[in-house]
Amino acid sequence: MDRQGIFLSLVIPVFNEEEMLPALFAGLDAALAGPLAGAGPAEVVLVDDGSADRSWELIAARCRDGARCVGVRLSRNFGQQAALTAGLETARGEAVVSLDADLQDPPEVVAEMVALYRKGYDVVYGTRRSRGSEPWLKRVTAAGFYGLMERISGVRIARETGDFRLLSRRALSHLASLRETHRFLRGLVPWIGLAQTRVLYDRGERAAGRTHFPLHKMLVLAFDGIASMSVAPLRLAFLMSVLLFAICVGYVGVTLIKFFVYGVPMVPGWTSLMATVTIFGTIQLLLMGIFGEYLGRIYEQVKQRPIYLVRETTSGQGAALADVPRRG
């Protein structure tokens, strides 16, 4: 396959980034006119994930002014992974790069990714050499999470990487066939296999605005990853129930020894009642919680609802499609 003259797509999900977008546009223009100028024709796909500010107005204006921009407005907020999926499936490039809107993933690094793509790699990860001023707690928990994910899923997940990556058209085709409702692209991409490598870069600081991916969203993404890539929580539930049962049996045994050996009095029926309630109550609640989480995911999956819906699109050629549902 000839990979010298390629059509490149840059996919960027956007959520309430009104303050950040002018800096993003300037950074993209500099990269497309500089390091990426020799990569071939390119397009920028901006996906508005149900923003409540003026993000879509700025995106639409940008797309009207330039032929290399495609704007996709989702019907509501579907989440970062769904918005990223929408952009990847809209992109027309032979090589597609996804990156964040906050410029912490430098667009100029894309040139190095394209060079590796031309050498035959289907997936090129942007791997952080440093994480800027991120707090130590986030670094430690991130390292622990990805180590855990690799152990329980059996899939080697690239460390120190986010959603900054290049995908070939072949990799995108494989990824598009995976229609999980709860998506964890950081696990799905390595799961498809193909030739993969990485580019090291220094993660910068956010140029403007504030992060829209706080702790609770990171926790939700982490649990989505664990539940989507492994059945380990179900096995853990079984092991914990066995452990709790053993503890409760031990408690009953100690109580009986105190009564029959040492003559410690006990209220008639109290020990057996409390032991029974504790044993069955703890086991049932634990198992019901974990089974319920997986059952809920099965319920959402079998409904076969689309991953996202598009409200409207716009491009530099003036093409627009308003209020037409699109299946993701």
C-alpha atoms as a PDB file:
ATOM      1  CA  MET A   1       0.000   0.000   0.000  1.00  0.00           C
ATOM      2  CA  ASP A   2       1.345   3.407  -0.987  1.00  0.00           C
ATOM      3  CA  ARG A   3       1.277   5.640   2.076  1.00  0.00           C
ATOM      4  CA  GLN A   4       3.328   8.546   0.722  1.00  0.00           C
ATOM      5  CA  GLY A   5       0.558  10.805  -0.550  1.00  0.00           C
ATOM      6  CA  ILE A   6      -2.199  10.644   2.078  1.00  0.00           C
ATOM      7  CA  PHE A   7      -5.339  12.492   3.064  1.00  0.00           C
ATOM      8  CA  LEU A   8      -5.089  13.332   6.780  1.00  0.00           C
ATOM      9  CA  SER A   9      -7.971  13.959   9.199  1.00  0.00           C
ATOM     10  CA  LEU A  10      -7.666  15.584  12.622  1.00  0.00           C
ATOM     11  CA  VAL A  11     -10.593  14.736  14.935  1.00  0.00           C
ATOM     12  CA  ILE A  12     -11.237  16.944  17.962  1.00  0.00           C
ATOM     13  CA  PRO A  13     -14.190  16.527  20.382  1.00  0.00           C
ATOM     14  CA  VAL A  14     -15.356  19.804  21.907  1.00  0.00           C
ATOM     15  CA  PHE A  15     -17.459  20.437  25.017  1.00  0.00           C
ATOM     16  CA  ASN A  16     -17.970  23.969  26.356  1.00  0.00           C
ATOM     17  CA  GLU A  17     -14.641  25.197  24.955  1.00  0.00           C
ATOM     18  CA  GLU A  18     -15.676  28.733  23.960  1.00  0.00           C
ATOM     19  CA  GLU A  19     -12.617  30.218  25.661  1.00  0.00           C
ATOM     20  CA  MET A  20     -10.243  27.630  24.225  1.00  0.00           C
ATOM     21  CA  LEU A  21     -11.347  27.504  20.585  1.00  0.00           C
ATOM     22  CA  PRO A  22      -9.558  30.665  19.306  1.00  0.00           C
ATOM     23  CA  ALA A  23      -6.244  29.326  20.634  1.00  0.00           C
ATOM     24  CA  LEU A  24      -7.039  25.900  19.175  1.00  0.00           C
ATOM     25  CA  PHE A  25      -7.756  27.355  15.734  1.00  0.00           C
ATOM     26  CA  ALA A  26      -4.512  29.323  15.827  1.00  0.00           C
ATOM     27  CA  GLY A  27      -2.559  26.223  16.838  1.00  0.00           C
ATOM     28  CA  LEU A  28      -4.146  24.155  14.078  1.00  0.00           C
ATOM     29  CA  ASP A  29      -3.414  26.828  11.458  1.00  0.00           C
ATOM     30  CA  ALA A  30       0.219  26.977  12.546  1.00  0.00           C
ATOM     31  CA  ALA A  31       0.587  23.203  12.432  1.00  0.00           C
ATOM     32  CA  LEU A  32      -1.132  22.821   9.050  1.00  0.00           C
ATOM     33  CA  ALA A  33       0.970  25.597   7.548  1.00  0.00           C
ATOM     34  CA  GLY A  34       4.175  24.346   9.175  1.00  0.00           C
ATOM     35  CA  PRO A  35       5.011  20.770  10.258  1.00  0.00           C
ATOM     36  CA  LEU A  36       1.987  19.217   8.520  1.00  0.00           C
ATOM     37  CA  ALA A  37       2.258  21.185   5.294  1.00  0.00           C
ATOM     38  CA  GLY A  38       4.108  18.356   3.559  1.00  0.00           C
ATOM     39  CA  ALA A  39       1.848  15.590   4.833  1.00  0.00           C
ATOM     40  CA  GLY A  40      -0.677  16.107   2.058  1.00  0.00           C
ATOM     41  CA  PRO A  41      -4.275  17.397   2.025  1.00  0.00           C
ATOM     42  CA  ALA A  42      -5.900  17.558   5.440  1.00  0.00           C
ATOM     43  CA  GLU A  43      -9.229  18.209   7.131  1.00  0.00           C
ATOM     44  CA  VAL A  44     -10.182  19.084  10.696  1.00  0.00           C
ATOM     45  CA  VAL A  45     -13.298  17.419  12.145  1.00  0.00           C
ATOM     46  CA  LEU A  46     -14.665  19.329  15.169  1.00  0.00           C
ATOM     47  CA  VAL A  47     -17.379  17.512  17.134  1.00  0.00           C
ATOM     48  CA  ASP A  48     -19.539  19.609  19.464  1.00  0.00           C
ATOM     49  CA  ASP A  49     -20.710  17.266  22.228  1.00  0.00           C
ATOM     50  CA  GLY A  50     -23.814  19.213  23.253  1.00  0.00           C
ATOM     51  CA  SER A  51     -22.033  22.359  24.450  1.00  0.00           C
ATOM     52  CA  ALA A  52     -24.070  24.926  26.397  1.00  0.00           C
ATOM     53  CA  ASP A  53     -21.874  27.891  25.420  1.00  0.00           C
ATOM     54  CA  ARG A  54     -20.967  29.405  22.025  1.00  0.00           C
ATOM     55  CA  SER A  55     -18.715  26.533  20.978  1.00  0.00           C
ATOM     56  CA  TRP A  56     -20.907  25.485  18.053  1.00  0.00           C
ATOM     57  CA  GLU A  57     -21.226  29.045  16.774  1.00  0.00           C
ATOM     58  CA  LEU A  58     -17.432  29.333  16.689  1.00  0.00           C
ATOM     59  CA  ILE A  59     -17.073  25.932  15.026  1.00  0.00           C
ATOM     60  CA  ALA A  60     -19.690  26.745  12.382  1.00  0.00           C
ATOM     61  CA  ALA A  61     -18.027  30.093  11.642  1.00  0.00           C
ATOM     62  CA  ARG A  62     -14.654  28.385  11.355  1.00  0.00           C
ATOM     63  CA  CYS A  63     -16.031  25.809   8.941  1.00  0.00           C
ATOM     64  CA  ARG A  64     -17.719  28.467   6.788  1.00  0.00           C
ATOM     65  CA  ASP A  65     -14.441  30.351   6.505  1.00  0.00           C
ATOM     66  CA  GLY A  66     -12.231  27.374   5.617  1.00  0.00           C
ATOM     67  CA  ALA A  67     -12.665  24.469   3.213  1.00  0.00           C
ATOM     68  CA  ARG A  68     -10.578  22.170   5.421  1.00  0.00           C
ATOM     69  CA  CYS A  69     -13.010  22.118   8.361  1.00  0.00           C
ATOM     70  CA  VAL A  70     -15.980  19.843   9.082  1.00  0.00           C
ATOM     71  CA  GLY A  71     -18.270  20.585  12.025  1.00  0.00           C
ATOM     72  CA  VAL A  72     -20.466  17.931  13.644  1.00  0.00           C
ATOM     73  CA  ARG A  73     -23.014  18.943  16.281  1.00  0.00           C
ATOM     74  CA  LEU A  74     -24.439  16.126  18.384  1.00  0.00           C
ATOM     75  CA  SER A  75     -28.073  16.315  19.481  1.00  0.00           C
ATOM     76  CA  ARG A  76     -27.039  16.376  23.165  1.00  0.00           C
ATOM     77  CA  ASN A  77     -24.096  15.550  25.392  1.00  0.00           C
ATOM     78  CA  PHE A  78     -23.242  11.885  24.801  1.00  0.00           C
ATOM     79  CA  GLY A  79     -19.852  11.911  26.495  1.00  0.00           C
ATOM     80  CA  GLN A  80     -16.285  12.275  25.308  1.00  0.00           C
ATOM     81  CA  GLN A  81     -15.885   8.706  24.031  1.00  0.00           C
ATOM     82  CA  ALA A  82     -19.096   8.882  21.983  1.00  0.00           C
ATOM     83  CA  ALA A  83     -18.129  12.291  20.567  1.00  0.00           C
ATOM     84  CA  LEU A  84     -14.732  10.923  19.635  1.00  0.00           C
ATOM     85  CA  THR A  85     -16.417   7.967  17.931  1.00  0.00           C
ATOM     86  CA  ALA A  86     -18.617  10.368  15.956  1.00  0.00           C
ATOM     87  CA  GLY A  87     -15.572  12.249  14.745  1.00  0.00           C
ATOM     88  CA  LEU A  88     -13.672   9.113  13.790  1.00  0.00           C
ATOM     89  CA  GLU A  89     -16.631   7.847  11.794  1.00  0.00           C
ATOM     90  CA  THR A  90     -17.090  11.210  10.069  1.00  0.00           C
ATOM     91  CA  ALA A  91     -13.439  11.595   9.091  1.00  0.00           C
ATOM     92  CA  ARG A  92     -12.600  10.789   5.476  1.00  0.00           C
ATOM     93  CA  GLY A  93      -8.815  10.584   5.782  1.00  0.00           C
ATOM     94  CA  GLU A  94      -6.629   7.595   5.083  1.00  0.00           C
ATOM     95  CA  ALA A  95      -4.927   8.408   8.376  1.00  0.00           C
ATOM     96  CA  VAL A  96      -7.001   9.883  11.218  1.00  0.00           C
ATOM     97  CA  VAL A  97      -5.548  11.536  14.317  1.00  0.00           C
ATOM     98  CA  SER A  98      -7.641  12.217  17.427  1.00  0.00           C
ATOM     99  CA  LEU A  99      -6.550  14.880  19.895  1.00  0.00           C
ATOM    100  CA  ASP A 100      -7.974  17.038  22.685  1.00  0.00           C
ATOM    101  CA  ALA A 101      -9.195  20.588  22.214  1.00  0.00           C
ATOM    102  CA  ASP A 102      -7.057  22.033  25.032  1.00  0.00           C
ATOM    103  CA  LEU A 103      -3.757  21.936  23.037  1.00  0.00           C
ATOM    104  CA  GLN A 104      -2.111  19.792  25.701  1.00  0.00           C
ATOM    105  CA  ASP A 105      -1.633  17.345  22.829  1.00  0.00           C
ATOM    106  CA  PRO A 106       0.499  19.477  20.442  1.00  0.00           C
ATOM    107  CA  PRO A 107      -0.696  19.325  16.813  1.00  0.00           C
ATOM    108  CA  GLU A 108       2.901  19.530  15.563  1.00  0.00           C
ATOM    109  CA  VAL A 109       3.555  16.031  16.987  1.00  0.00           C
ATOM    110  CA  VAL A 110       1.169  14.700  14.326  1.00  0.00           C
ATOM    111  CA  ALA A 111       3.962  15.057  11.750  1.00  0.00           C
ATOM    112  CA  GLU A 112       5.990  12.400  13.623  1.00  0.00           C
ATOM    113  CA  MET A 113       2.921  10.137  13.726  1.00  0.00           C
ATOM    114  CA  VAL A 114       2.423  10.491   9.982  1.00  0.00           C
ATOM    115  CA  ALA A 115       6.084   9.578   9.378  1.00  0.00           C
ATOM    116  CA  LEU A 116       5.600   6.325  11.318  1.00  0.00           C
ATOM    117  CA  TYR A 117       2.304   5.652   9.523  1.00  0.00           C
ATOM    118  CA  ARG A 118       4.193   5.853   6.230  1.00  0.00           C
ATOM    119  CA  LYS A 119       6.542   3.167   7.536  1.00  0.00           C
ATOM    120  CA  GLY A 120       3.609   0.764   7.804  1.00  0.00           C
ATOM    121  CA  TYR A 121       2.167   1.251  11.295  1.00  0.00           C
ATOM    122  CA  ASP A 122      -1.634   1.209  11.624  1.00  0.00           C
ATOM    123  CA  VAL A 123      -1.754   2.699  15.137  1.00  0.00           C
ATOM    124  CA  VAL A 124       0.606   5.361  16.465  1.00  0.00           C
ATOM    125  CA  TYR A 125       0.103   6.456  20.080  1.00  0.00           C
ATOM    126  CA  GLY A 126       1.072   9.821  21.466  1.00  0.00           C
ATOM    127  CA  THR A 127       2.853   8.807  24.677  1.00  0.00           C
ATOM    128  CA  ARG A 128       3.560  11.436  27.306  1.00  0.00           C
ATOM    129  CA  ARG A 129       7.191  11.839  28.239  1.00  0.00           C
ATOM    130  CA  SER A 130       6.018  14.141  31.020  1.00  0.00           C
ATOM    131  CA  ARG A 131       2.572  15.073  32.347  1.00  0.00           C
ATOM    132  CA  GLY A 132       3.169  18.769  33.001  1.00  0.00           C
ATOM    133  CA  SER A 133       1.913  20.003  36.361  1.00  0.00           C
ATOM    134  CA  GLU A 134      -0.617  17.222  36.952  1.00  0.00           C
ATOM    135  CA  PRO A 135      -0.853  16.343  40.677  1.00  0.00           C
ATOM    136  CA  TRP A 136       1.079  13.303  41.895  1.00  0.00           C
ATOM    137  CA  LEU A 137      -2.128  11.572  42.992  1.00  0.00           C
ATOM    138  CA  LYS A 138      -3.475  11.577  39.436  1.00  0.00           C
ATOM    139  CA  ARG A 139      -0.185  10.214  38.108  1.00  0.00           C
ATOM    140  CA  VAL A 140      -0.064   7.403  40.662  1.00  0.00           C
ATOM    141  CA  THR A 141      -3.711   6.403  40.214  1.00  0.00           C
ATOM    142  CA  ALA A 142      -3.382   6.502  36.406  1.00  0.00           C
ATOM    143  CA  ALA A 143      -0.339   4.226  36.513  1.00  0.00           C
ATOM    144  CA  GLY A 144      -2.120   1.835  38.877  1.00  0.00           C
ATOM    145  CA  PHE A 145      -5.280   1.780  36.784  1.00  0.00           C
ATOM    146  CA  TYR A 146      -3.562   0.938  33.511  1.00  0.00           C
ATOM    147  CA  GLY A 147      -1.466  -1.714  35.222  1.00  0.00           C
ATOM    148  CA  LEU A 148      -4.642  -3.258  36.635  1.00  0.00           C
ATOM    149  CA  MET A 149      -6.405  -3.055  33.259  1.00  0.00           C
ATOM    150  CA  GLU A 150      -3.561  -4.865  31.544  1.00  0.00           C
ATOM    151  CA  ARG A 151      -3.649  -7.681  34.096  1.00  0.00           C
ATOM    152  CA  ILE A 152      -7.391  -8.299  34.131  1.00  0.00           C
ATOM    153  CA  SER A 153      -8.125  -7.759  30.429  1.00  0.00           C
ATOM    154  CA  GLY A 154      -5.201  -9.563  28.870  1.00  0.00           C
ATOM    155  CA  VAL A 155      -4.749  -6.626  26.477  1.00  0.00           C
ATOM    156  CA  ARG A 156      -1.531  -4.631  26.567  1.00  0.00           C
ATOM    157  CA  ILE A 157      -2.689  -1.035  26.993  1.00  0.00           C
ATOM    158  CA  ALA A 158      -0.138   1.640  26.144  1.00  0.00           C
ATOM    159  CA  ARG A 159       0.973   3.456  29.292  1.00  0.00           C
ATOM    160  CA  GLU A 160       0.976   7.249  29.614  1.00  0.00           C
ATOM    161  CA  THR A 161      -1.351   7.624  26.651  1.00  0.00           C
ATOM    162  CA  GLY A 162      -4.775   9.209  26.362  1.00  0.00           C
ATOM    163  CA  ASP A 163      -6.826   9.589  23.198  1.00  0.00           C
ATOM    164  CA  PHE A 164      -4.016  11.235  21.226  1.00  0.00           C
ATOM    165  CA  ARG A 165      -3.360   8.654  18.506  1.00  0.00           C
ATOM    166  CA  LEU A 166      -3.214   8.050  14.766  1.00  0.00           C
ATOM    167  CA  LEU A 167      -5.330   5.313  13.184  1.00  0.00           C
ATOM    168  CA  SER A 168      -5.073   3.988   9.658  1.00  0.00           C
ATOM    169  CA  ARG A 169      -8.195   3.446   7.592  1.00  0.00           C
ATOM    170  CA  ARG A 170      -7.807  -0.302   8.178  1.00  0.00           C
ATOM    171  CA  ALA A 171      -7.676   0.193  11.956  1.00  0.00           C
ATOM    172  CA  LEU A 172     -10.711   2.486  11.777  1.00  0.00           C
ATOM    173  CA  SER A 173     -12.686  -0.164   9.884  1.00  0.00           C
ATOM    174  CA  HIS A 174     -11.973  -2.720  12.604  1.00  0.00           C
ATOM    175  CA  LEU A 175     -12.802  -0.204  15.336  1.00  0.00           C
ATOM    176  CA  ALA A 176     -16.097   0.732  13.644  1.00  0.00           C
ATOM    177  CA  SER A 177     -17.230  -2.898  13.870  1.00  0.00           C
ATOM    178  CA  LEU A 178     -17.089  -2.741  17.683  1.00  0.00           C
ATOM    179  CA  ARG A 179     -20.400  -1.230  18.772  1.00  0.00           C
ATOM    180  CA  GLU A 180     -20.199  -1.256  22.572  1.00  0.00           C
ATOM    181  CA  THR A 181     -22.545   1.247  24.167  1.00  0.00           C
ATOM    182  CA  HIS A 182     -20.086   1.903  27.009  1.00  0.00           C
ATOM    183  CA  ARG A 183     -16.966   2.656  25.010  1.00  0.00           C
ATOM    184  CA  PHE A 184     -13.395   2.619  26.242  1.00  0.00           C
ATOM    185  CA  LEU A 185     -11.332   3.428  23.172  1.00  0.00           C
ATOM    186  CA  ARG A 186      -8.060   3.246  25.088  1.00  0.00           C
ATOM    187  CA  GLY A 187      -8.734  -0.467  25.494  1.00  0.00           C
ATOM    188  CA  LEU A 188     -10.537  -1.167  22.214  1.00  0.00           C
ATOM    189  CA  VAL A 189      -7.755   0.228  20.011  1.00  0.00           C
ATOM    190  CA  PRO A 190      -5.014  -2.099  21.339  1.00  0.00           C
ATOM    191  CA  TRP A 191      -7.538  -4.970  21.342  1.00  0.00           C
ATOM    192  CA  ILE A 192      -7.835  -4.857  17.539  1.00  0.00           C
ATOM    193  CA  GLY A 193      -4.118  -5.561  17.204  1.00  0.00           C
ATOM    194  CA  LEU A 194      -2.361  -4.541  13.952  1.00  0.00           C
ATOM    195  CA  ALA A 195       1.059  -2.881  13.866  1.00  0.00           C
ATOM    196  CA  GLN A 196       1.355  -0.365  16.711  1.00  0.00           C
ATOM    197  CA  THR A 197       4.053   2.020  17.917  1.00  0.00           C
ATOM    198  CA  ARG A 198       4.369   5.310  19.790  1.00  0.00           C
ATOM    199  CA  VAL A 199       5.706   8.856  19.646  1.00  0.00           C
ATOM    200  CA  LEU A 200       7.040  10.481  22.824  1.00  0.00           C
ATOM    201  CA  TYR A 201       6.081  14.089  23.570  1.00  0.00           C
ATOM    202  CA  ASP A 202       5.931  16.512  26.487  1.00  0.00           C
ATOM    203  CA  ARG A 203       2.379  17.237  27.553  1.00  0.00           C
ATOM    204  CA  GLY A 204       1.804  20.974  27.801  1.00  0.00           C
ATOM    205  CA  GLU A 205      -0.447  23.082  29.989  1.00  0.00           C
ATOM    206  CA  ARG A 206      -3.993  23.996  29.086  1.00  0.00           C
ATOM    207  CA  ALA A 207      -3.891  27.221  27.051  1.00  0.00           C
ATOM    208  CA  ALA A 208      -7.238  28.625  28.230  1.00  0.00           C
ATOM    209  CA  GLY A 209     -10.447  27.733  30.058  1.00  0.00           C
ATOM    210  CA  ARG A 210     -10.719  24.875  32.534  1.00  0.00           C
ATOM    211  CA  THR A 211     -10.835  21.120  32.304  1.00  0.00           C
ATOM    212  CA  HIS A 212     -14.177  19.457  31.565  1.00  0.00           C
ATOM    213  CA  PHE A 213     -12.970  16.039  32.689  1.00  0.00           C
ATOM    214  CA  PRO A 214     -13.082  16.186  36.511  1.00  0.00           C
ATOM    215  CA  LEU A 215     -12.494  13.351  38.964  1.00  0.00           C
ATOM    216  CA  HIS A 216     -15.979  11.826  38.802  1.00  0.00           C
ATOM    217  CA  LYS A 217     -15.821  11.586  34.994  1.00  0.00           C
ATOM    218  CA  MET A 218     -12.415   9.938  35.219  1.00  0.00           C
ATOM    219  CA  LEU A 219     -13.834   7.410  37.684  1.00  0.00           C
ATOM    220  CA  VAL A 220     -16.762   6.668  35.361  1.00  0.00           C
ATOM    221  CA  LEU A 221     -14.366   6.188  32.437  1.00  0.00           C
ATOM    222  CA  ALA A 222     -12.190   3.910  34.574  1.00  0.00           C
ATOM    223  CA  PHE A 223     -15.128   1.717  35.564  1.00  0.00           C
ATOM    224  CA  ASP A 224     -16.360   1.640  31.957  1.00  0.00           C
ATOM    225  CA  GLY A 225     -12.937   0.409  30.981  1.00  0.00           C
ATOM    226  CA  ILE A 226     -12.859  -2.325  33.597  1.00  0.00           C
ATOM    227  CA  ALA A 227     -16.413  -3.525  32.945  1.00  0.00           C
ATOM    228  CA  SER A 228     -16.032  -3.331  29.159  1.00  0.00           C
ATOM    229  CA  MET A 229     -12.738  -5.171  28.926  1.00  0.00           C
ATOM    230  CA  SER A 230     -12.983  -7.815  31.654  1.00  0.00           C
ATOM    231  CA  VAL A 231     -15.265 -10.010  33.781  1.00  0.00           C
ATOM    232  CA  ALA A 232     -12.808  -9.770  36.663  1.00  0.00           C
ATOM    233  CA  PRO A 233     -15.299  -7.901  38.936  1.00  0.00           C
ATOM    234  CA  LEU A 234     -17.661 -10.877  38.690  1.00  0.00           C
ATOM    235  CA  ARG A 235     -14.894 -13.239  39.744  1.00  0.00           C
ATOM    236  CA  LEU A 236     -13.875 -10.835  42.491  1.00  0.00           C
ATOM    237  CA  ALA A 237     -17.466 -10.869  43.753  1.00  0.00           C
ATOM    238  CA  PHE A 238     -17.290 -14.632  44.102  1.00  0.00           C
ATOM    239  CA  LEU A 239     -13.970 -14.508  45.952  1.00  0.00           C
ATOM    240  CA  MET A 240     -15.196 -11.765  48.281  1.00  0.00           C
ATOM    241  CA  SER A 241     -18.347 -13.710  49.070  1.00  0.00           C
ATOM    242  CA  VAL A 242     -16.225 -16.733  49.974  1.00  0.00           C
ATOM    243  CA  LEU A 243     -14.010 -14.553  52.162  1.00  0.00           C
ATOM    244  CA  LEU A 244     -16.986 -12.964  53.938  1.00  0.00           C
ATOM    245  CA  PHE A 245     -18.534 -16.355  54.470  1.00  0.00           C
ATOM    246  CA  ALA A 246     -15.295 -17.614  56.030  1.00  0.00           C
ATOM    247  CA  ILE A 247     -15.107 -14.594  58.325  1.00  0.00           C
ATOM    248  CA  CYS A 248     -18.702 -15.048  59.463  1.00  0.00           C
ATOM    249  CA  VAL A 249     -18.202 -18.781  60.054  1.00  0.00           C
ATOM    250  CA  GLY A 250     -15.084 -17.943  62.050  1.00  0.00           C
ATOM    251  CA  TYR A 251     -17.081 -15.492  64.132  1.00  0.00           C
ATOM    252  CA  VAL A 252     -19.710 -18.134  64.876  1.00  0.00           C
ATOM    253  CA  GLY A 253     -16.971 -20.615  65.793  1.00  0.00           C
ATOM    254  CA  VAL A 254     -15.313 -18.181  68.220  1.00  0.00           C
ATOM    255  CA  THR A 255     -18.659 -17.435  69.859  1.00  0.00           C
ATOM    256  CA  LEU A 256     -19.416 -21.123  70.316  1.00  0.00           C
ATOM    257  CA  ILE A 257     -15.956 -21.788  71.784  1.00  0.00           C
ATOM    258  CA  LYS A 258     -16.429 -18.941  74.267  1.00  0.00           C
ATOM    259  CA  PHE A 259     -19.765 -20.394  75.339  1.00  0.00           C
ATOM    260  CA  PHE A 260     -18.899 -24.099  75.594  1.00  0.00           C
ATOM    261  CA  VAL A 261     -15.238 -23.858  76.672  1.00  0.00           C
ATOM    262  CA  TYR A 262     -15.067 -20.681  78.722  1.00  0.00           C
ATOM    263  CA  GLY A 263     -18.680 -20.439  79.798  1.00  0.00           C
ATOM    264  CA  VAL A 264     -19.226 -16.932  78.447  1.00  0.00           C
ATOM    265  CA  PRO A 265     -23.015 -16.442  78.465  1.00  0.00           C
ATOM    266  CA  MET A 266     -24.831 -15.281  75.366  1.00  0.00           C
ATOM    267  CA  VAL A 267     -28.367 -14.180  74.664  1.00  0.00           C
ATOM    268  CA  PRO A 268     -30.410 -17.146  73.404  1.00  0.00           C
ATOM    269  CA  GLY A 269     -30.787 -17.024  69.619  1.00  0.00           C
ATOM    270  CA  TRP A 270     -28.796 -13.812  69.225  1.00  0.00           C
ATOM    271  CA  THR A 271     -25.657 -15.372  67.788  1.00  0.00           C
ATOM    272  CA  SER A 272     -27.425 -17.564  65.254  1.00  0.00           C
ATOM    273  CA  LEU A 273     -29.714 -14.733  64.176  1.00  0.00           C
ATOM    274  CA  MET A 274     -26.934 -12.165  63.730  1.00  0.00           C
ATOM    275  CA  ALA A 275     -24.671 -14.677  61.996  1.00  0.00           C
ATOM    276  CA  THR A 276     -27.393 -15.611  59.527  1.00  0.00           C
ATOM    277  CA  VAL A 277     -28.316 -12.003  58.764  1.00  0.00           C
ATOM    278  CA  THR A 278     -24.675 -10.971  58.389  1.00  0.00           C
ATOM    279  CA  ILE A 279     -23.655 -13.892  56.188  1.00  0.00           C
ATOM    280  CA  PHE A 280     -26.548 -13.795  53.762  1.00  0.00           C
ATOM    281  CA  GLY A 281     -27.036 -10.035  53.828  1.00  0.00           C
ATOM    282  CA  THR A 282     -23.455  -9.118  52.967  1.00  0.00           C
ATOM    283  CA  ILE A 283     -23.117 -11.770  50.279  1.00  0.00           C
ATOM    284  CA  GLN A 284     -26.415 -10.958  48.606  1.00  0.00           C
ATOM    285  CA  LEU A 285     -25.899  -7.195  48.579  1.00  0.00           C
ATOM    286  CA  LEU A 286     -22.418  -7.519  47.202  1.00  0.00           C
ATOM    287  CA  LEU A 287     -23.332  -9.948  44.463  1.00  0.00           C
ATOM    288  CA  MET A 288     -26.515  -8.109  43.539  1.00  0.00           C
ATOM    289  CA  GLY A 289     -24.586  -4.867  43.134  1.00  0.00           C
ATOM    290  CA  ILE A 290     -21.974  -6.316  40.805  1.00  0.00           C
ATOM    291  CA  PHE A 291     -24.379  -8.519  38.855  1.00  0.00           C
ATOM    292  CA  GLY A 292     -26.753  -5.571  38.545  1.00  0.00           C
ATOM    293  CA  GLU A 293     -24.047  -3.395  37.011  1.00  0.00           C
ATOM    294  CA  TYR A 294     -23.298  -5.987  34.344  1.00  0.00           C
ATOM    295  CA  LEU A 295     -26.989  -6.707  33.805  1.00  0.00           C
ATOM    296  CA  GLY A 296     -27.632  -2.999  33.286  1.00  0.00           C
ATOM    297  CA  ARG A 297     -24.919  -2.871  30.659  1.00  0.00           C
ATOM    298  CA  ILE A 298     -26.408  -5.870  28.869  1.00  0.00           C
ATOM    299  CA  TYR A 299     -29.819  -4.178  28.976  1.00  0.00           C
ATOM    300  CA  GLU A 300     -28.421  -1.006  27.430  1.00  0.00           C
ATOM    301  CA  GLN A 301     -26.526  -2.965  24.788  1.00  0.00           C
ATOM    302  CA  VAL A 302     -29.410  -5.175  23.616  1.00  0.00           C
ATOM    303  CA  LYS A 303     -31.596  -2.106  23.014  1.00  0.00           C
ATOM    304  CA  GLN A 304     -29.171  -1.326  20.172  1.00  0.00           C
ATOM    305  CA  ARG A 305     -29.574   2.402  20.490  1.00  0.00           C
ATOM    306  CA  PRO A 306     -27.063   4.448  18.497  1.00  0.00           C
ATOM    307  CA  ILE A 307     -23.891   5.516  20.232  1.00  0.00           C
ATOM    308  CA  TYR A 308     -24.607   9.123  19.227  1.00  0.00           C
ATOM    309  CA  LEU A 309     -27.043  11.219  17.204  1.00  0.00           C
ATOM    310  CA  VAL A 310     -26.063  14.155  15.010  1.00  0.00           C
ATOM    311  CA  ARG A 311     -28.156  17.324  15.092  1.00  0.00           C
ATOM    312  CA  GLU A 312     -26.424  19.065  12.209  1.00  0.00           C
ATOM    313  CA  THR A 313     -23.203  19.184  10.235  1.00  0.00           C
ATOM    314  CA  THR A 314     -21.408  21.913   8.342  1.00  0.00           C
ATOM    315  CA  SER A 315     -18.290  22.101   6.222  1.00  0.00           C
ATOM    316  CA  GLY A 316     -16.185  24.557   4.250  1.00  0.00           C
ATOM    317  CA  GLN A 317     -18.091  23.641   1.107  1.00  0.00           C
ATOM    318  CA  GLY A 318     -21.271  24.913   2.754  1.00  0.00           C
ATOM    319  CA  ALA A 319     -22.787  21.472   3.124  1.00  0.00           C
ATOM    320  CA  ALA A 320     -25.139  21.287   6.092  1.00  0.00           C
ATOM    321  CA  LEU A 321     -27.637  18.772   7.333  1.00  0.00           C
ATOM    322  CA  ALA A 322     -29.903  20.049  10.091  1.00  0.00           C
ATOM    323  CA  ASP A 323     -31.931  18.050  12.585  1.00  0.00           C
ATOM    324  CA  VAL A 324     -31.440  14.711  10.823  1.00  0.00           C
ATOM    325  CA  PRO A 325     -30.786  11.810  13.226  1.00  0.00           C
ATOM    326  CA  ARG A 326     -27.700   9.856  12.344  1.00  0.00           C
ATOM    327  CA  ARG A 327     -26.958   6.429  13.674  1.00  0.00           C
ATOM    328  CA  GLY A 328     -23.584   5.951  15.305  1.00  0.00           C
END
